[in-house]
């Protein structure tokens, strides 16, 4: 469904992206932010799915600044490699890429643009809600949200977590929820990465419910 393209970050850097278009004209766009595994098959499938549900969806290749076309598997080696690349990125670089993706969607006629991210991308979505030109944000199991809980989202924001996630203890999730009563915080009986159907931690019931909530959330705030 989608196609590869190049976008320009707001600091002038050229990065790759995967874009999928809806079947009919839309006024809303979505920036889809990858896990630490790059814009791999799973993220492309997720982007296609959002397009099928009516959004102009764009997944910027956030790792292109360090290594082009990163597509990692869900192995210990892939985790280690992806984590190293993610940790090497500077906050300003990440934000420039996000803003470049938002700009690319607005240039294509999207009056409103949301952001949704997974794992690494969940934290990026949280930060974007506080500092980027988006209209709504959704983050799935962002491991860095707790550390950045002092940020104040400027737009409607929703977060999804799993109560079996050893990477994100429930006391951290509660701290985020208590600090931000304006944010929708959803918890599922699931592990980290529960939305990804290529991971051993995939949970079909939790993934379905979270995705439906995400569509309802964006449907409300990106009209």
N, C-alpha and C. Protein backbone atom coordinates (compact mmCIF):
# COMPACT_ATOMS: atom_id res chain seq x y z
N UNK A 1 0.82 -1.21 0.00
CA UNK A 1 0.00 0.00 0.00
C UNK A 1 0.85 1.26 0.00
N UNK A 2 1.96 1.23 0.77
CA UNK A 2 2.75 2.44 0.94
C UNK A 2 3.90 2.56 -0.04
N UNK A 3 4.68 3.64 0.15
CA UNK A 3 5.82 3.89 -0.71
C UNK A 3 6.94 4.55 0.09
N UNK A 4 8.16 4.35 -0.35
CA UNK A 4 9.30 4.99 0.26
C UNK A 4 9.44 6.40 -0.30
N UNK A 5 9.83 7.33 0.56
CA UNK A 5 10.06 8.70 0.12
C UNK A 5 11.13 9.32 0.99
N UNK A 6 11.52 10.52 0.65
CA UNK A 6 12.49 11.27 1.43
C UNK A 6 11.82 12.52 1.97
N UNK A 7 12.11 12.83 3.23
CA UNK A 7 11.58 14.05 3.82
C UNK A 7 12.75 14.86 4.38
N UNK A 8 12.51 16.13 4.61
CA UNK A 8 13.55 17.00 5.16
C UNK A 8 13.21 17.39 6.58
N UNK A 9 14.11 17.09 7.50
CA UNK A 9 13.94 17.50 8.88
C UNK A 9 14.08 19.00 8.99
N UNK A 10 13.62 19.56 10.09
CA UNK A 10 13.65 21.01 10.21
C UNK A 10 15.05 21.56 10.43
N UNK A 11 16.04 20.68 10.61
CA UNK A 11 17.43 21.15 10.65
C UNK A 11 18.13 20.94 9.32
N UNK A 12 17.36 20.57 8.28
CA UNK A 12 17.90 20.42 6.94
C UNK A 12 18.38 19.04 6.58
N UNK A 13 18.35 18.10 7.52
CA UNK A 13 18.79 16.73 7.26
C UNK A 13 17.76 15.98 6.42
N UNK A 14 18.23 15.24 5.43
CA UNK A 14 17.36 14.41 4.61
C UNK A 14 17.29 13.01 5.22
N UNK A 15 16.08 12.52 5.47
CA UNK A 15 15.91 11.16 5.98
C UNK A 15 14.84 10.44 5.17
N UNK A 16 14.87 9.14 5.21
CA UNK A 16 13.86 8.35 4.52
C UNK A 16 12.58 8.27 5.33
N UNK A 17 11.53 7.82 4.68
CA UNK A 17 10.24 7.65 5.35
C UNK A 17 9.39 6.69 4.54
N UNK A 18 8.46 6.06 5.21
CA UNK A 18 7.48 5.19 4.55
C UNK A 18 6.13 5.86 4.69
N UNK A 19 5.46 6.08 3.57
CA UNK A 19 4.17 6.76 3.59
C UNK A 19 3.09 5.89 2.96
N UNK A 20 1.94 5.87 3.62
CA UNK A 20 0.78 5.14 3.09
C UNK A 20 -0.41 6.08 3.02
N UNK A 21 -1.11 6.03 1.89
CA UNK A 21 -2.22 6.93 1.67
C UNK A 21 -3.56 6.22 1.86
N UNK A 22 -4.56 6.93 2.35
CA UNK A 22 -5.89 6.34 2.51
C UNK A 22 -6.57 6.20 1.17
N UNK A 23 -7.67 5.46 1.16
CA UNK A 23 -8.37 5.22 -0.09
C UNK A 23 -9.09 6.43 -0.62
N UNK A 24 -9.38 7.41 0.24
CA UNK A 24 -10.06 8.62 -0.19
C UNK A 24 -9.38 9.82 0.47
N UNK A 25 -9.74 11.01 0.02
CA UNK A 25 -9.12 12.22 0.54
C UNK A 25 -9.35 12.35 2.04
N UNK A 26 -8.35 12.85 2.73
CA UNK A 26 -8.45 13.02 4.18
C UNK A 26 -7.88 14.37 4.58
N UNK A 27 -8.38 14.90 5.68
CA UNK A 27 -7.86 16.15 6.20
C UNK A 27 -6.91 15.91 7.37
N UNK A 28 -6.69 14.65 7.71
CA UNK A 28 -5.88 14.33 8.89
C UNK A 28 -4.70 13.43 8.53
N UNK A 29 -3.57 13.68 9.19
CA UNK A 29 -2.38 12.86 8.98
C UNK A 29 -1.89 12.30 10.30
N UNK A 30 -1.10 11.24 10.20
CA UNK A 30 -0.51 10.62 11.38
C UNK A 30 0.98 10.38 11.15
N UNK A 31 1.79 10.81 12.10
CA UNK A 31 3.20 10.45 12.12
C UNK A 31 3.33 9.19 12.96
N UNK A 32 3.89 8.14 12.39
CA UNK A 32 4.04 6.86 13.09
C UNK A 32 5.52 6.70 13.45
N UNK A 33 5.80 6.63 14.75
CA UNK A 33 7.20 6.56 15.20
C UNK A 33 7.55 5.13 15.60
N UNK A 34 8.61 4.66 15.04
CA UNK A 34 9.10 3.30 15.16
C UNK A 34 9.50 2.88 16.57
N UNK A 35 9.67 1.57 16.74
CA UNK A 35 10.34 1.01 17.90
C UNK A 35 11.86 1.14 17.65
N UNK A 36 12.66 0.52 18.50
CA UNK A 36 14.11 0.56 18.30
C UNK A 36 14.56 -0.32 17.15
N UNK A 37 13.62 -0.97 16.48
CA UNK A 37 13.97 -1.90 15.40
C UNK A 37 13.90 -1.26 14.01
N UNK A 38 13.69 0.05 13.98
CA UNK A 38 13.66 0.74 12.70
C UNK A 38 12.30 0.68 12.03
N UNK A 39 12.23 1.22 10.81
CA UNK A 39 10.99 1.15 10.03
C UNK A 39 11.01 -0.20 9.32
N UNK A 40 10.75 -1.22 10.10
CA UNK A 40 10.78 -2.60 9.59
C UNK A 40 9.40 -3.00 9.08
N UNK A 41 9.25 -4.27 8.76
CA UNK A 41 7.98 -4.73 8.20
C UNK A 41 6.80 -4.43 9.12
N UNK A 42 6.99 -4.63 10.41
CA UNK A 42 5.89 -4.39 11.34
C UNK A 42 5.44 -2.93 11.32
N UNK A 43 6.39 -2.00 11.39
CA UNK A 43 6.02 -0.59 11.39
C UNK A 43 5.39 -0.19 10.07
N UNK A 44 5.87 -0.75 8.98
CA UNK A 44 5.22 -0.47 7.69
C UNK A 44 3.79 -1.00 7.68
N UNK A 45 3.57 -2.17 8.26
CA UNK A 45 2.22 -2.73 8.34
C UNK A 45 1.31 -1.85 9.20
N UNK A 46 1.85 -1.36 10.31
CA UNK A 46 1.08 -0.47 11.17
C UNK A 46 0.72 0.81 10.42
N UNK A 47 1.66 1.34 9.67
CA UNK A 47 1.41 2.55 8.88
C UNK A 47 0.34 2.29 7.83
N UNK A 48 0.42 1.15 7.17
CA UNK A 48 -0.61 0.77 6.20
C UNK A 48 -1.98 0.68 6.86
N UNK A 49 -2.00 0.14 8.05
CA UNK A 49 -3.28 -0.05 8.75
C UNK A 49 -3.92 1.29 9.10
N UNK A 50 -3.13 2.23 9.56
CA UNK A 50 -3.69 3.55 9.84
C UNK A 50 -4.19 4.21 8.56
N UNK A 51 -3.50 4.00 7.45
CA UNK A 51 -3.97 4.54 6.17
C UNK A 51 -5.29 3.91 5.78
N UNK A 52 -5.41 2.60 5.99
CA UNK A 52 -6.66 1.92 5.67
C UNK A 52 -7.81 2.44 6.53
N UNK A 53 -7.47 2.97 7.69
CA UNK A 53 -8.49 3.54 8.57
C UNK A 53 -8.68 5.04 8.36
N UNK A 54 -8.14 5.56 7.25
CA UNK A 54 -8.49 6.91 6.84
C UNK A 54 -7.47 8.00 7.04
N UNK A 55 -6.26 7.66 7.44
CA UNK A 55 -5.24 8.69 7.68
C UNK A 55 -4.12 8.64 6.65
N UNK A 56 -3.58 9.81 6.31
CA UNK A 56 -2.35 9.87 5.56
C UNK A 56 -1.25 9.60 6.58
N UNK A 57 -0.64 8.42 6.51
CA UNK A 57 0.27 7.97 7.56
C UNK A 57 1.71 7.97 7.07
N UNK A 58 2.60 8.49 7.90
CA UNK A 58 4.00 8.66 7.52
C UNK A 58 4.89 8.19 8.66
N UNK A 59 5.79 7.24 8.36
CA UNK A 59 6.73 6.72 9.35
C UNK A 59 8.14 7.18 9.00
N UNK A 60 8.65 8.21 9.66
CA UNK A 60 10.01 8.68 9.36
C UNK A 60 11.05 7.68 9.86
N UNK A 61 12.11 7.52 9.10
CA UNK A 61 13.19 6.60 9.49
C UNK A 61 14.10 7.33 10.47
N UNK A 62 13.80 7.22 11.75
CA UNK A 62 14.48 8.01 12.77
C UNK A 62 15.96 7.66 12.93
N UNK A 63 16.34 6.48 12.46
CA UNK A 63 17.74 6.06 12.61
C UNK A 63 18.62 6.44 11.42
N UNK A 64 18.02 7.04 10.39
CA UNK A 64 18.78 7.36 9.17
C UNK A 64 19.96 8.29 9.43
N UNK A 65 19.89 9.08 10.47
CA UNK A 65 21.00 9.98 10.79
C UNK A 65 22.27 9.21 11.14
N UNK A 66 22.11 8.00 11.64
CA UNK A 66 23.25 7.20 12.06
C UNK A 66 23.52 6.04 11.10
N UNK A 67 22.44 5.44 10.61
CA UNK A 67 22.57 4.29 9.71
C UNK A 67 21.33 4.21 8.85
N UNK A 68 21.51 4.16 7.54
CA UNK A 68 20.39 4.16 6.61
C UNK A 68 19.65 2.82 6.61
N UNK A 69 18.33 2.92 6.45
CA UNK A 69 17.47 1.76 6.21
C UNK A 69 17.62 0.67 7.27
N UNK A 70 17.60 1.06 8.53
CA UNK A 70 17.69 0.08 9.61
C UNK A 70 16.37 -0.69 9.71
N UNK A 71 16.48 -2.00 9.61
CA UNK A 71 15.32 -2.89 9.75
C UNK A 71 15.79 -4.11 10.55
N UNK A 72 15.55 -4.09 11.84
CA UNK A 72 16.07 -5.12 12.72
C UNK A 72 15.00 -6.13 13.11
N UNK A 73 15.45 -7.31 13.47
CA UNK A 73 14.55 -8.35 13.94
C UNK A 73 14.43 -8.31 15.46
N UNK A 74 13.49 -9.08 15.99
CA UNK A 74 13.21 -9.07 17.42
C UNK A 74 14.05 -10.13 18.14
N UNK A 75 15.36 -9.91 18.06
CA UNK A 75 16.32 -10.81 18.69
C UNK A 75 17.15 -10.01 19.68
N UNK A 76 17.94 -10.70 20.50
CA UNK A 76 18.79 -10.00 21.45
C UNK A 76 19.79 -9.11 20.70
N UNK A 77 20.28 -9.61 19.58
CA UNK A 77 21.21 -8.82 18.77
C UNK A 77 20.51 -7.57 18.22
N UNK A 78 19.28 -7.75 17.74
CA UNK A 78 18.52 -6.62 17.23
C UNK A 78 18.23 -5.59 18.31
N UNK A 79 17.88 -6.08 19.49
CA UNK A 79 17.62 -5.18 20.62
C UNK A 79 18.86 -4.37 20.95
N UNK A 80 20.00 -5.04 21.04
CA UNK A 80 21.24 -4.35 21.39
C UNK A 80 21.62 -3.32 20.34
N UNK A 81 21.52 -3.69 19.07
CA UNK A 81 21.87 -2.77 17.99
C UNK A 81 20.93 -1.57 17.96
N UNK A 82 19.63 -1.85 18.07
CA UNK A 82 18.65 -0.77 18.03
C UNK A 82 18.77 0.16 19.21
N UNK A 83 19.05 -0.39 20.39
CA UNK A 83 19.20 0.44 21.58
C UNK A 83 20.41 1.36 21.44
N UNK A 84 21.49 0.83 20.89
CA UNK A 84 22.69 1.65 20.72
C UNK A 84 22.43 2.84 19.80
N UNK A 85 21.72 2.58 18.70
CA UNK A 85 21.43 3.67 17.76
C UNK A 85 20.50 4.68 18.41
N UNK A 86 19.46 4.19 19.08
CA UNK A 86 18.49 5.09 19.71
C UNK A 86 19.16 5.99 20.74
N UNK A 87 20.06 5.41 21.53
CA UNK A 87 20.72 6.19 22.59
C UNK A 87 21.71 7.20 22.03
N UNK A 88 22.15 6.99 20.78
CA UNK A 88 23.10 7.93 20.18
C UNK A 88 22.43 9.17 19.63
N UNK A 89 21.11 9.12 19.48
CA UNK A 89 20.38 10.26 18.91
C UNK A 89 20.18 11.35 19.96
N UNK A 90 20.38 12.58 19.56
CA UNK A 90 20.19 13.71 20.45
C UNK A 90 18.73 14.15 20.42
N UNK A 91 18.21 14.63 21.55
CA UNK A 91 16.82 15.08 21.59
C UNK A 91 16.47 16.08 20.50
N UNK A 92 17.39 17.00 20.21
CA UNK A 92 17.11 18.01 19.18
C UNK A 92 17.02 17.37 17.79
N UNK A 93 17.81 16.33 17.56
CA UNK A 93 17.75 15.62 16.28
C UNK A 93 16.42 14.90 16.12
N UNK A 94 16.01 14.24 17.18
CA UNK A 94 14.73 13.52 17.16
C UNK A 94 13.59 14.48 16.89
N UNK A 95 13.58 15.59 17.60
CA UNK A 95 12.51 16.57 17.44
C UNK A 95 12.51 17.17 16.04
N UNK A 96 13.69 17.39 15.48
CA UNK A 96 13.77 17.93 14.12
C UNK A 96 13.17 16.96 13.11
N UNK A 97 13.42 15.68 13.30
CA UNK A 97 12.85 14.67 12.39
C UNK A 97 11.33 14.60 12.53
N UNK A 98 10.85 14.67 13.77
CA UNK A 98 9.40 14.64 14.00
C UNK A 98 8.75 15.85 13.35
N UNK A 99 9.34 17.01 13.56
CA UNK A 99 8.76 18.22 12.98
C UNK A 99 8.82 18.20 11.46
N UNK A 100 9.88 17.59 10.92
CA UNK A 100 9.95 17.45 9.47
C UNK A 100 8.84 16.57 8.92
N UNK A 101 8.53 15.49 9.65
CA UNK A 101 7.44 14.60 9.24
C UNK A 101 6.09 15.30 9.32
N UNK A 102 5.89 16.06 10.38
CA UNK A 102 4.64 16.83 10.52
C UNK A 102 4.51 17.82 9.38
N UNK A 103 5.59 18.50 9.08
CA UNK A 103 5.58 19.48 7.99
C UNK A 103 5.27 18.82 6.65
N UNK A 104 5.83 17.63 6.44
CA UNK A 104 5.58 16.92 5.18
C UNK A 104 4.10 16.58 5.03
N UNK A 105 3.45 16.22 6.12
CA UNK A 105 2.02 15.91 6.06
C UNK A 105 1.18 17.17 5.85
N UNK A 106 1.55 18.22 6.51
CA UNK A 106 0.80 19.47 6.34
C UNK A 106 0.94 20.01 4.91
N UNK A 107 2.10 19.81 4.33
CA UNK A 107 2.31 20.25 2.95
C UNK A 107 1.44 19.46 1.96
N UNK A 108 0.99 18.30 2.39
CA UNK A 108 0.12 17.49 1.54
C UNK A 108 -1.37 17.73 1.83
N UNK A 109 -1.63 18.76 2.61
CA UNK A 109 -3.01 19.17 2.83
C UNK A 109 -3.64 18.73 4.13
N UNK A 110 -2.88 18.11 5.02
CA UNK A 110 -3.45 17.67 6.30
C UNK A 110 -3.63 18.88 7.22
N UNK A 111 -4.86 19.18 7.57
CA UNK A 111 -5.11 20.31 8.45
C UNK A 111 -4.77 19.98 9.89
N UNK A 112 -4.95 18.71 10.25
CA UNK A 112 -4.58 18.26 11.59
C UNK A 112 -3.66 17.04 11.47
N UNK A 113 -2.70 16.98 12.38
CA UNK A 113 -1.73 15.89 12.37
C UNK A 113 -1.55 15.34 13.78
N UNK A 114 -1.67 14.04 13.90
CA UNK A 114 -1.41 13.38 15.18
C UNK A 114 -0.10 12.61 15.11
N UNK A 115 0.35 12.15 16.26
CA UNK A 115 1.56 11.32 16.32
C UNK A 115 1.27 10.11 17.19
N UNK A 116 1.73 8.96 16.74
CA UNK A 116 1.60 7.73 17.50
C UNK A 116 2.93 7.01 17.46
N UNK A 117 3.38 6.52 18.62
CA UNK A 117 4.67 5.87 18.66
C UNK A 117 4.68 4.66 19.57
N UNK A 118 5.63 3.77 19.32
CA UNK A 118 5.71 2.50 20.02
C UNK A 118 7.09 2.32 20.64
N UNK A 119 7.14 1.98 21.93
CA UNK A 119 8.41 1.74 22.61
C UNK A 119 9.26 3.02 22.56
N UNK A 120 10.39 3.00 21.90
CA UNK A 120 11.17 4.23 21.65
C UNK A 120 10.24 5.33 21.13
N UNK A 121 9.37 4.97 20.20
CA UNK A 121 8.44 5.93 19.63
C UNK A 121 7.39 6.43 20.60
N UNK A 122 7.07 5.62 21.61
CA UNK A 122 6.12 6.06 22.62
C UNK A 122 6.65 7.24 23.42
N UNK A 123 7.94 7.19 23.72
CA UNK A 123 8.57 8.31 24.41
C UNK A 123 8.67 9.51 23.49
N UNK A 124 8.98 9.28 22.22
CA UNK A 124 9.05 10.37 21.25
C UNK A 124 7.69 11.07 21.14
N UNK A 125 6.62 10.28 21.11
CA UNK A 125 5.28 10.85 21.02
C UNK A 125 4.96 11.71 22.25
N UNK A 126 5.38 11.23 23.43
CA UNK A 126 5.18 11.99 24.66
C UNK A 126 5.90 13.34 24.60
N UNK A 127 7.14 13.31 24.15
CA UNK A 127 7.90 14.55 24.05
C UNK A 127 7.31 15.48 22.98
N UNK A 128 6.83 14.89 21.89
CA UNK A 128 6.24 15.70 20.82
C UNK A 128 4.98 16.40 21.30
N UNK A 129 4.23 15.74 22.18
CA UNK A 129 3.00 16.34 22.71
C UNK A 129 3.29 17.64 23.46
N UNK A 130 4.50 17.74 23.98
CA UNK A 130 4.87 18.92 24.76
C UNK A 130 5.62 19.98 23.96
N UNK A 131 6.12 19.58 22.77
CA UNK A 131 7.03 20.52 22.10
C UNK A 131 6.94 20.58 20.59
N UNK A 132 6.11 19.76 19.99
CA UNK A 132 6.03 19.77 18.52
C UNK A 132 4.65 20.24 18.07
N UNK A 133 4.57 20.54 16.80
CA UNK A 133 3.34 21.09 16.22
C UNK A 133 2.37 19.98 15.84
N UNK A 134 1.91 19.22 16.85
CA UNK A 134 0.92 18.18 16.61
C UNK A 134 -0.40 18.56 17.26
N UNK A 135 -1.45 17.86 16.85
CA UNK A 135 -2.77 18.15 17.39
C UNK A 135 -3.25 17.11 18.40
N UNK A 136 -2.60 15.97 18.44
CA UNK A 136 -2.93 14.91 19.40
C UNK A 136 -1.79 13.90 19.39
N UNK A 137 -1.61 13.20 20.50
CA UNK A 137 -0.50 12.25 20.61
C UNK A 137 -0.92 10.99 21.35
N UNK A 138 -0.41 9.85 20.87
CA UNK A 138 -0.65 8.56 21.53
C UNK A 138 0.68 7.83 21.64
N UNK A 139 0.99 7.35 22.83
CA UNK A 139 2.22 6.61 23.04
C UNK A 139 1.95 5.23 23.59
N UNK A 140 2.60 4.23 23.00
CA UNK A 140 2.51 2.86 23.48
C UNK A 140 3.80 2.51 24.22
N UNK A 141 3.67 2.09 25.45
CA UNK A 141 4.76 1.60 26.32
C UNK A 141 6.09 2.32 26.10
N UNK A 142 6.04 3.64 26.24
CA UNK A 142 7.26 4.44 26.12
C UNK A 142 8.09 4.36 27.39
N UNK A 143 9.25 3.75 27.28
CA UNK A 143 10.08 3.53 28.45
C UNK A 143 10.67 4.79 29.05
N UNK A 144 10.70 5.89 28.30
CA UNK A 144 11.26 7.13 28.80
C UNK A 144 10.23 8.14 29.26
N UNK A 145 8.95 7.76 29.26
CA UNK A 145 7.90 8.71 29.66
C UNK A 145 8.06 9.10 31.13
N UNK A 146 8.31 8.12 31.98
CA UNK A 146 8.43 8.39 33.41
C UNK A 146 9.56 9.38 33.68
N UNK A 147 10.71 9.18 33.05
CA UNK A 147 11.84 10.08 33.26
C UNK A 147 11.54 11.49 32.77
N UNK A 148 10.62 11.61 31.81
CA UNK A 148 10.25 12.92 31.26
C UNK A 148 8.87 13.35 31.72
N UNK A 149 8.47 12.89 32.89
CA UNK A 149 7.11 13.15 33.37
C UNK A 149 6.88 14.61 33.74
N UNK A 150 7.96 15.39 33.84
CA UNK A 150 7.81 16.81 34.16
C UNK A 150 7.30 17.60 32.95
N UNK A 151 7.37 17.01 31.76
CA UNK A 151 6.86 17.69 30.57
C UNK A 151 5.35 17.87 30.66
N UNK A 152 4.87 18.93 30.05
CA UNK A 152 3.44 19.23 30.07
C UNK A 152 2.87 19.14 28.66
N UNK A 153 2.11 18.08 28.36
CA UNK A 153 1.51 17.98 27.03
C UNK A 153 0.65 19.20 26.71
N UNK A 154 0.80 19.71 25.50
CA UNK A 154 0.04 20.87 25.07
C UNK A 154 -1.20 20.47 24.26
N UNK A 155 -1.30 19.19 23.96
CA UNK A 155 -2.40 18.68 23.14
C UNK A 155 -2.98 17.44 23.80
N UNK A 156 -4.17 17.01 23.40
CA UNK A 156 -4.73 15.77 23.95
C UNK A 156 -3.76 14.61 23.78
N UNK A 157 -3.55 13.86 24.85
CA UNK A 157 -2.55 12.80 24.85
C UNK A 157 -3.11 11.55 25.52
N UNK A 158 -2.78 10.40 24.95
CA UNK A 158 -3.17 9.11 25.53
C UNK A 158 -1.96 8.19 25.57
N UNK A 159 -1.87 7.36 26.62
CA UNK A 159 -0.75 6.45 26.78
C UNK A 159 -1.27 5.04 27.06
N UNK A 160 -0.59 4.04 26.49
CA UNK A 160 -0.94 2.63 26.69
C UNK A 160 0.25 1.91 27.32
N UNK A 161 -0.03 1.14 28.37
CA UNK A 161 0.99 0.36 29.05
C UNK A 161 0.49 -1.05 29.35
N UNK A 162 1.42 -1.97 29.57
CA UNK A 162 1.08 -3.33 29.98
C UNK A 162 1.51 -3.57 31.41
N UNK A 163 0.66 -4.20 32.22
CA UNK A 163 0.99 -4.37 33.63
C UNK A 163 2.01 -5.49 33.88
N UNK A 164 2.38 -6.23 32.82
CA UNK A 164 3.41 -7.27 32.94
C UNK A 164 4.76 -6.80 32.40
N UNK A 165 4.83 -5.51 32.07
CA UNK A 165 6.03 -4.93 31.45
C UNK A 165 7.10 -4.70 32.50
N UNK A 166 8.14 -5.52 32.49
CA UNK A 166 9.23 -5.38 33.46
C UNK A 166 10.05 -4.12 33.21
N UNK A 167 9.97 -3.58 32.00
CA UNK A 167 10.73 -2.38 31.66
C UNK A 167 10.09 -1.12 32.23
N UNK A 168 8.78 -1.17 32.46
CA UNK A 168 8.03 0.00 32.93
C UNK A 168 7.17 -0.43 34.11
N UNK A 169 7.69 -0.39 35.33
CA UNK A 169 6.93 -0.82 36.51
C UNK A 169 5.64 -0.02 36.68
N UNK A 170 4.65 -0.66 37.27
CA UNK A 170 3.37 0.00 37.45
C UNK A 170 3.43 1.22 38.36
N UNK A 171 4.39 1.27 39.27
CA UNK A 171 4.49 2.47 40.10
C UNK A 171 4.91 3.68 39.28
N UNK A 172 5.68 3.43 38.21
CA UNK A 172 6.03 4.52 37.30
C UNK A 172 4.82 4.97 36.49
N UNK A 173 4.04 4.02 36.03
CA UNK A 173 2.83 4.35 35.28
C UNK A 173 1.88 5.16 36.15
N UNK A 174 1.73 4.74 37.40
CA UNK A 174 0.85 5.47 38.34
C UNK A 174 1.37 6.88 38.58
N UNK A 175 2.69 7.02 38.68
CA UNK A 175 3.27 8.35 38.91
C UNK A 175 2.97 9.28 37.74
N UNK A 176 3.06 8.75 36.53
CA UNK A 176 2.74 9.54 35.34
C UNK A 176 1.27 9.92 35.34
N UNK A 177 0.41 8.95 35.63
CA UNK A 177 -1.03 9.20 35.64
C UNK A 177 -1.40 10.23 36.72
N UNK A 178 -0.79 10.11 37.89
CA UNK A 178 -1.09 11.05 38.98
C UNK A 178 -0.61 12.45 38.65
N UNK A 179 0.54 12.55 37.96
CA UNK A 179 1.09 13.86 37.61
C UNK A 179 0.32 14.52 36.47
N UNK A 180 -0.38 13.70 35.68
CA UNK A 180 -1.07 14.22 34.49
C UNK A 180 -2.50 13.69 34.41
N UNK A 181 -3.39 14.17 35.27
CA UNK A 181 -4.77 13.71 35.22
C UNK A 181 -5.47 14.02 33.91
N UNK A 182 -4.91 14.97 33.15
CA UNK A 182 -5.51 15.33 31.86
C UNK A 182 -5.17 14.32 30.75
N UNK A 183 -4.24 13.42 31.01
CA UNK A 183 -3.81 12.44 30.02
C UNK A 183 -4.58 11.13 30.22
N UNK A 184 -5.02 10.55 29.12
CA UNK A 184 -5.67 9.23 29.17
C UNK A 184 -4.58 8.17 29.34
N UNK A 185 -4.60 7.45 30.43
CA UNK A 185 -3.63 6.38 30.67
C UNK A 185 -4.37 5.06 30.75
N UNK A 186 -4.05 4.16 29.84
CA UNK A 186 -4.70 2.85 29.78
C UNK A 186 -3.69 1.75 30.12
N UNK A 187 -4.13 0.80 30.94
CA UNK A 187 -3.27 -0.31 31.34
C UNK A 187 -3.94 -1.63 30.95
N UNK A 188 -3.14 -2.53 30.39
CA UNK A 188 -3.65 -3.82 29.90
C UNK A 188 -2.94 -4.97 30.60
N UNK A 189 -3.57 -6.09 30.65
CA UNK A 189 -2.94 -7.30 31.20
C UNK A 189 -2.04 -7.88 30.11
N UNK A 190 -0.91 -7.23 29.91
CA UNK A 190 -0.03 -7.58 28.79
C UNK A 190 1.40 -7.14 29.10
N UNK A 191 2.31 -7.61 28.25
CA UNK A 191 3.73 -7.34 28.43
C UNK A 191 4.17 -6.20 27.51
N UNK A 192 5.43 -5.81 27.63
CA UNK A 192 6.01 -4.81 26.74
C UNK A 192 5.93 -5.30 25.29
N UNK A 193 5.59 -4.39 24.39
CA UNK A 193 5.50 -4.75 22.98
C UNK A 193 4.25 -5.51 22.60
N UNK A 194 3.21 -5.41 23.42
CA UNK A 194 2.01 -6.22 23.19
C UNK A 194 1.30 -5.93 21.88
N UNK A 195 1.58 -4.78 21.28
CA UNK A 195 0.90 -4.43 20.03
C UNK A 195 1.54 -5.08 18.81
N UNK A 196 2.77 -5.53 18.95
CA UNK A 196 3.53 -6.04 17.79
C UNK A 196 3.29 -7.53 17.58
N UNK A 197 2.66 -7.86 16.47
CA UNK A 197 2.30 -9.26 16.21
C UNK A 197 3.48 -10.10 15.71
N UNK A 198 4.67 -9.51 15.71
CA UNK A 198 5.87 -10.27 15.35
C UNK A 198 6.76 -10.55 16.57
N UNK A 199 6.28 -10.15 17.73
CA UNK A 199 7.03 -10.36 18.97
C UNK A 199 6.36 -11.45 19.81
N UNK A 200 7.16 -12.12 20.61
CA UNK A 200 6.63 -13.17 21.48
C UNK A 200 5.67 -12.59 22.51
N UNK A 201 5.82 -11.30 22.82
CA UNK A 201 4.97 -10.65 23.82
C UNK A 201 3.66 -10.13 23.25
N UNK A 202 3.40 -10.38 21.98
CA UNK A 202 2.15 -9.93 21.36
C UNK A 202 0.94 -10.46 22.11
N UNK A 203 -0.01 -9.58 22.36
CA UNK A 203 -1.26 -9.96 23.02
C UNK A 203 -2.41 -9.46 22.15
N UNK A 204 -3.09 -10.37 21.49
CA UNK A 204 -4.11 -9.99 20.52
C UNK A 204 -5.24 -9.17 21.13
N UNK A 205 -5.70 -9.57 22.30
CA UNK A 205 -6.83 -8.88 22.94
C UNK A 205 -6.43 -7.46 23.34
N UNK A 206 -5.26 -7.32 23.95
CA UNK A 206 -4.80 -5.99 24.37
C UNK A 206 -4.52 -5.11 23.15
N UNK A 207 -3.91 -5.70 22.13
CA UNK A 207 -3.61 -4.94 20.92
C UNK A 207 -4.89 -4.43 20.26
N UNK A 208 -5.88 -5.26 20.19
CA UNK A 208 -7.15 -4.87 19.57
C UNK A 208 -7.82 -3.74 20.34
N UNK A 209 -7.86 -3.88 21.67
CA UNK A 209 -8.51 -2.85 22.48
C UNK A 209 -7.74 -1.53 22.42
N UNK A 210 -6.42 -1.61 22.50
CA UNK A 210 -5.61 -0.39 22.46
C UNK A 210 -5.75 0.31 21.11
N UNK A 211 -5.76 -0.47 20.03
CA UNK A 211 -5.87 0.13 18.71
C UNK A 211 -7.24 0.80 18.54
N UNK A 212 -8.29 0.14 19.03
CA UNK A 212 -9.62 0.74 18.93
C UNK A 212 -9.69 2.04 19.72
N UNK A 213 -9.10 2.04 20.89
CA UNK A 213 -9.07 3.26 21.69
C UNK A 213 -8.28 4.35 20.98
N UNK A 214 -7.20 3.95 20.32
CA UNK A 214 -6.38 4.91 19.58
C UNK A 214 -7.17 5.53 18.44
N UNK A 215 -7.89 4.69 17.69
CA UNK A 215 -8.70 5.22 16.60
C UNK A 215 -9.79 6.16 17.11
N UNK A 216 -10.43 5.79 18.21
CA UNK A 216 -11.47 6.64 18.78
C UNK A 216 -10.88 7.97 19.26
N UNK A 217 -9.70 7.90 19.85
CA UNK A 217 -9.03 9.10 20.35
C UNK A 217 -8.67 10.04 19.20
N UNK A 218 -8.06 9.50 18.16
CA UNK A 218 -7.71 10.34 17.02
C UNK A 218 -8.96 10.82 16.28
N UNK A 219 -9.98 9.95 16.21
CA UNK A 219 -11.22 10.35 15.57
C UNK A 219 -11.86 11.55 16.25
N UNK A 220 -11.67 11.65 17.55
CA UNK A 220 -12.23 12.75 18.32
C UNK A 220 -11.40 14.02 18.18
N UNK A 221 -10.08 13.88 18.18
CA UNK A 221 -9.22 15.06 18.27
C UNK A 221 -8.60 15.51 16.95
N UNK A 222 -8.76 14.73 15.89
CA UNK A 222 -8.19 15.12 14.60
C UNK A 222 -9.27 15.44 13.57
N UNK A 223 -10.47 15.70 14.02
CA UNK A 223 -11.56 16.04 13.10
C UNK A 223 -11.30 17.40 12.45
